[in-house]
Amino acid sequence: MNILYVAYRYLIIKEMSPEERKEVVPRTVIFAGKAAPAYVNAKKVIKFINQVSSIINNDGETRSLLKVIFIPNYSVSNAEIIVPAA
């Protein structure tokens, strides 16, 4: 559900004028996870997140306002590094 909000936010930013964009607070959204080979739906969600992040991160107009990061193979070891930073 969170990736749908990010896509919606991206579309709203794209519709804004340059003056309106100056008021937008920049955001970075972090997703993490992993899926076993048999979890087809989970793999589709991960693919969707990566596709949305590719579009958002490569858009020159919104690059400074919105970024999407996906951390693959999320585990306890990765969480010990990521969570305190958040």
Protein backbone atom coordinates (compact mmCIF):
# COMPACT_ATOMS: atom_id res chain seq x y z
CA MET A 1 0.00 0.00 0.00
CA ASN A 2 2.84 2.37 0.77
CA ILE A 3 4.20 2.20 -2.78
CA LEU A 4 0.80 3.28 -4.10
CA TYR A 5 1.01 6.37 -1.88
CA VAL A 6 4.50 7.09 -3.23
CA ALA A 7 3.24 6.81 -6.82
CA TYR A 8 0.33 9.12 -5.98
CA ARG A 9 2.69 11.65 -4.36
CA TYR A 10 4.91 11.52 -7.46
CA LEU A 11 1.95 12.31 -9.72
CA ILE A 12 0.90 15.21 -7.49
CA ILE A 13 4.44 16.65 -7.58
CA LYS A 14 4.50 16.29 -11.39
CA GLU A 15 1.29 18.33 -11.67
CA MET A 16 2.67 21.18 -9.53
CA SER A 17 4.10 24.36 -10.96
CA PRO A 18 7.77 25.18 -10.26
CA GLU A 19 6.65 27.74 -7.66
CA GLU A 20 4.51 25.15 -5.86
CA ARG A 21 7.36 22.62 -5.89
CA LYS A 22 9.50 25.00 -3.85
CA GLU A 23 7.11 24.40 -0.92
CA VAL A 24 7.38 20.59 -1.09
CA VAL A 25 9.42 18.93 1.64
CA PRO A 26 11.88 16.46 0.07
CA ARG A 27 11.31 12.82 1.06
CA THR A 28 13.12 9.54 0.74
CA VAL A 29 11.04 6.39 1.08
CA ILE A 30 12.82 3.17 2.01
CA PHE A 31 11.43 -0.28 1.28
CA ALA A 32 13.10 -3.53 2.24
CA GLY A 33 12.27 -7.18 1.92
CA LYS A 34 12.93 -10.50 0.34
CA ALA A 35 10.77 -13.23 -1.09
CA ALA A 36 11.25 -16.96 -1.32
CA PRO A 37 11.06 -18.32 -4.88
CA ALA A 38 7.61 -19.79 -4.24
CA TYR A 39 6.05 -16.48 -3.09
CA VAL A 40 4.80 -15.24 -6.44
CA ASN A 41 2.79 -12.30 -5.06
CA ALA A 42 5.69 -11.07 -2.92
CA LYS A 43 7.99 -11.19 -5.94
CA LYS A 44 5.46 -9.19 -7.96
CA VAL A 45 5.25 -6.53 -5.23
CA ILE A 46 9.06 -6.26 -5.13
CA LYS A 47 9.16 -5.94 -8.91
CA PHE A 48 6.48 -3.23 -8.77
CA ILE A 49 8.44 -1.29 -6.13
CA ASN A 50 11.58 -1.47 -8.28
CA GLN A 51 9.71 -0.32 -11.39
CA VAL A 52 8.13 2.65 -9.58
CA SER A 53 11.47 3.58 -8.02
CA SER A 54 13.15 3.45 -11.42
CA ILE A 55 10.64 5.93 -12.85
CA ILE A 56 10.75 8.28 -9.86
CA ASN A 57 14.52 8.24 -9.36
CA ASN A 58 15.25 8.88 -13.04
CA ASP A 59 12.87 11.85 -13.39
CA GLY A 60 14.91 15.05 -13.44
CA GLU A 61 11.95 17.21 -12.39
CA THR A 62 11.25 15.34 -9.16
CA ARG A 63 14.67 13.89 -8.34
CA SER A 64 15.38 16.45 -5.63
CA LEU A 65 11.93 16.08 -4.04
CA LEU A 66 11.23 12.34 -3.95
CA LYS A 67 13.44 9.26 -3.91
CA VAL A 68 12.58 5.60 -3.50
CA ILE A 69 15.10 3.07 -2.21
CA PHE A 70 14.64 -0.69 -2.08
CA ILE A 71 16.98 -2.73 0.11
CA PRO A 72 17.07 -6.33 -1.12
CA ASN A 73 17.57 -9.39 1.09
CA TYR A 74 16.40 -7.61 4.21
CA SER A 75 17.52 -9.42 7.34
CA VAL A 76 18.19 -8.79 11.02
CA SER A 77 21.78 -7.83 10.21
CA ASN A 78 20.59 -5.19 7.76
CA ALA A 79 17.92 -3.98 10.18
CA GLU A 80 20.55 -3.39 12.88
CA ILE A 81 22.19 -0.88 10.53
CA ILE A 82 19.10 0.68 8.94
CA VAL A 83 16.69 1.09 11.85
CA PRO A 84 18.91 3.25 14.10
CA ALA A 85 19.54 5.56 11.14
CA ALA A 86 15.81 6.10 10.69
